[in-house]
Amino acid sequence: MAALDTAALAEVGTTLAELEGNIGAVGYGLAAIGPGIGVGVVWAAYIQATARQPESAGLTRTYAFLGAALSEALALIGLVAPFIYG
């Protein structure tokens, strides 16, 4: 029965769904998921390393900030890419 209704709508020319807006916003939303997870993993590893060996907190803090900055750079690339290619 549904196939008949779809065929009837196709003959009339009625639009079932319409996509409006910028698809780049959807792309950035998906691109922001990875860096968000990455920053969480970086800080979780830092907290775990500091809890296991507190005297190495100064050394591992530098690597934690570096890892978080690189993850956030990916988020900025995801923000800029739709403007460049769109």
C-alpha atoms as a PDB file:
ATOM      1  CA  MET A   1       0.000   0.000   0.000  1.00  0.00           C
ATOM      2  CA  ALA A   2       2.869   2.397   0.832  1.00  0.00           C
ATOM      3  CA  ALA A   3       4.466   1.759  -2.566  1.00  0.00           C
ATOM      4  CA  LEU A   4       1.282   2.881  -4.253  1.00  0.00           C
ATOM      5  CA  ASP A   5       1.181   6.073  -2.182  1.00  0.00           C
ATOM      6  CA  THR A   6       4.816   6.886  -3.016  1.00  0.00           C
ATOM      7  CA  ALA A   7       4.194   6.283  -6.699  1.00  0.00           C
ATOM      8  CA  ALA A   8       1.136   8.524  -6.591  1.00  0.00           C
ATOM      9  CA  LEU A   9       3.126  11.301  -4.924  1.00  0.00           C
ATOM     10  CA  ALA A  10       5.886  10.969  -7.521  1.00  0.00           C
ATOM     11  CA  GLU A  11       3.358  11.412 -10.322  1.00  0.00           C
ATOM     12  CA  VAL A  12       1.939  14.570  -8.733  1.00  0.00           C
ATOM     13  CA  GLY A  13       5.418  16.007  -8.132  1.00  0.00           C
ATOM     14  CA  THR A  14       5.032  16.583  -4.408  1.00  0.00           C
ATOM     15  CA  THR A  15       8.230  16.926  -2.434  1.00  0.00           C
ATOM     16  CA  LEU A  16       8.441  14.587   0.541  1.00  0.00           C
ATOM     17  CA  ALA A  17      11.415  16.255   2.254  1.00  0.00           C
ATOM     18  CA  GLU A  18      13.488  19.314   1.575  1.00  0.00           C
ATOM     19  CA  LEU A  19      16.954  20.089   2.889  1.00  0.00           C
ATOM     20  CA  GLU A  20      17.735  23.738   3.389  1.00  0.00           C
ATOM     21  CA  GLY A  21      20.650  25.463   5.041  1.00  0.00           C
ATOM     22  CA  ASN A  22      24.362  24.961   5.111  1.00  0.00           C
ATOM     23  CA  ILE A  23      25.514  21.351   5.159  1.00  0.00           C
ATOM     24  CA  GLY A  24      28.880  22.647   6.442  1.00  0.00           C
ATOM     25  CA  ALA A  25      27.294  23.114   9.859  1.00  0.00           C
ATOM     26  CA  VAL A  26      26.524  19.411   9.978  1.00  0.00           C
ATOM     27  CA  GLY A  27      30.073  18.658   8.877  1.00  0.00           C
ATOM     28  CA  TYR A  28      31.518  20.814  11.632  1.00  0.00           C
ATOM     29  CA  GLY A  29      29.265  19.186  14.174  1.00  0.00           C
ATOM     30  CA  LEU A  30      30.639  15.813  13.185  1.00  0.00           C
ATOM     31  CA  ALA A  31      34.200  17.179  13.038  1.00  0.00           C
ATOM     32  CA  ALA A  32      33.941  18.521  16.591  1.00  0.00           C
ATOM     33  CA  ILE A  33      33.269  15.079  18.036  1.00  0.00           C
ATOM     34  CA  GLY A  34      36.806  13.772  17.391  1.00  0.00           C
ATOM     35  CA  PRO A  35      38.728  16.602  19.063  1.00  0.00           C
ATOM     36  CA  GLY A  36      36.316  16.535  21.985  1.00  0.00           C
ATOM     37  CA  ILE A  37      37.052  12.869  22.563  1.00  0.00           C
ATOM     38  CA  GLY A  38      40.771  13.487  21.983  1.00  0.00           C
ATOM     39  CA  VAL A  39      41.010  16.197  24.630  1.00  0.00           C
ATOM     40  CA  GLY A  40      39.189  13.953  27.082  1.00  0.00           C
ATOM     41  CA  VAL A  41      41.601  11.098  26.429  1.00  0.00           C
ATOM     42  CA  VAL A  42      44.645  13.388  26.788  1.00  0.00           C
ATOM     43  CA  TRP A  43      43.541  14.767  30.158  1.00  0.00           C
ATOM     44  CA  ALA A  44      42.453  11.330  31.401  1.00  0.00           C
ATOM     45  CA  ALA A  45      45.926   9.990  30.620  1.00  0.00           C
ATOM     46  CA  TYR A  46      47.517  12.974  32.375  1.00  0.00           C
ATOM     47  CA  ILE A  47      45.438  12.462  35.511  1.00  0.00           C
ATOM     48  CA  GLN A  48      46.204   8.748  35.526  1.00  0.00           C
ATOM     49  CA  ALA A  49      49.953   9.329  35.047  1.00  0.00           C
ATOM     50  CA  THR A  50      50.034  11.958  37.786  1.00  0.00           C
ATOM     51  CA  ALA A  51      48.123   9.677  40.157  1.00  0.00           C
ATOM     52  CA  ARG A  52      50.576   6.829  39.542  1.00  0.00           C
ATOM     53  CA  GLN A  53      53.735   8.943  39.806  1.00  0.00           C
ATOM     54  CA  PRO A  54      53.112  12.400  41.310  1.00  0.00           C
ATOM     55  CA  GLU A  55      56.705  13.595  40.939  1.00  0.00           C
ATOM     56  CA  SER A  56      56.438  13.458  37.131  1.00  0.00           C
ATOM     57  CA  ALA A  57      53.486  15.898  37.045  1.00  0.00           C
ATOM     58  CA  GLY A  58      55.616  18.780  35.731  1.00  0.00           C
ATOM     59  CA  LEU A  59      56.958  16.788  32.784  1.00  0.00           C
ATOM     60  CA  THR A  60      53.662  15.176  31.825  1.00  0.00           C
ATOM     61  CA  ARG A  61      51.765  18.480  32.154  1.00  0.00           C
ATOM     62  CA  THR A  62      53.738  19.870  29.203  1.00  0.00           C
ATOM     63  CA  TYR A  63      52.791  16.895  27.056  1.00  0.00           C
ATOM     64  CA  ALA A  64      49.157  17.159  28.177  1.00  0.00           C
ATOM     65  CA  PHE A  65      48.921  20.791  27.093  1.00  0.00           C
ATOM     66  CA  LEU A  66      50.643  19.969  23.798  1.00  0.00           C
ATOM     67  CA  GLY A  67      48.240  17.093  23.118  1.00  0.00           C
ATOM     68  CA  ALA A  68      45.207  19.208  23.985  1.00  0.00           C
ATOM     69  CA  ALA A  69      46.416  22.043  21.745  1.00  0.00           C
ATOM     70  CA  LEU A  70      46.924  19.702  18.801  1.00  0.00           C
ATOM     71  CA  SER A  71      43.461  18.214  19.307  1.00  0.00           C
ATOM     72  CA  GLU A  72      41.908  21.669  19.393  1.00  0.00           C
ATOM     73  CA  ALA A  73      43.793  22.578  16.210  1.00  0.00           C
ATOM     74  CA  LEU A  74      41.858  19.798  14.484  1.00  0.00           C
ATOM     75  CA  ALA A  75      38.614  21.391  15.681  1.00  0.00           C
ATOM     76  CA  LEU A  76      39.681  24.735  14.205  1.00  0.00           C
ATOM     77  CA  ILE A  77      40.516  23.073  10.896  1.00  0.00           C
ATOM     78  CA  GLY A  78      37.041  21.524  10.952  1.00  0.00           C
ATOM     79  CA  LEU A  79      35.569  24.980  11.538  1.00  0.00           C
ATOM     80  CA  VAL A  80      37.484  26.638   8.686  1.00  0.00           C
ATOM     81  CA  ALA A  81      37.172  23.872   6.079  1.00  0.00           C
ATOM     82  CA  PRO A  82      33.478  24.478   5.212  1.00  0.00           C
ATOM     83  CA  PHE A  83      34.248  28.157   4.567  1.00  0.00           C
ATOM     84  CA  ILE A  84      37.126  27.280   2.248  1.00  0.00           C
ATOM     85  CA  TYR A  85      35.459  24.462   0.305  1.00  0.00           C
ATOM     86  CA  GLY A  86      31.849  25.619   0.552  1.00  0.00           C
END
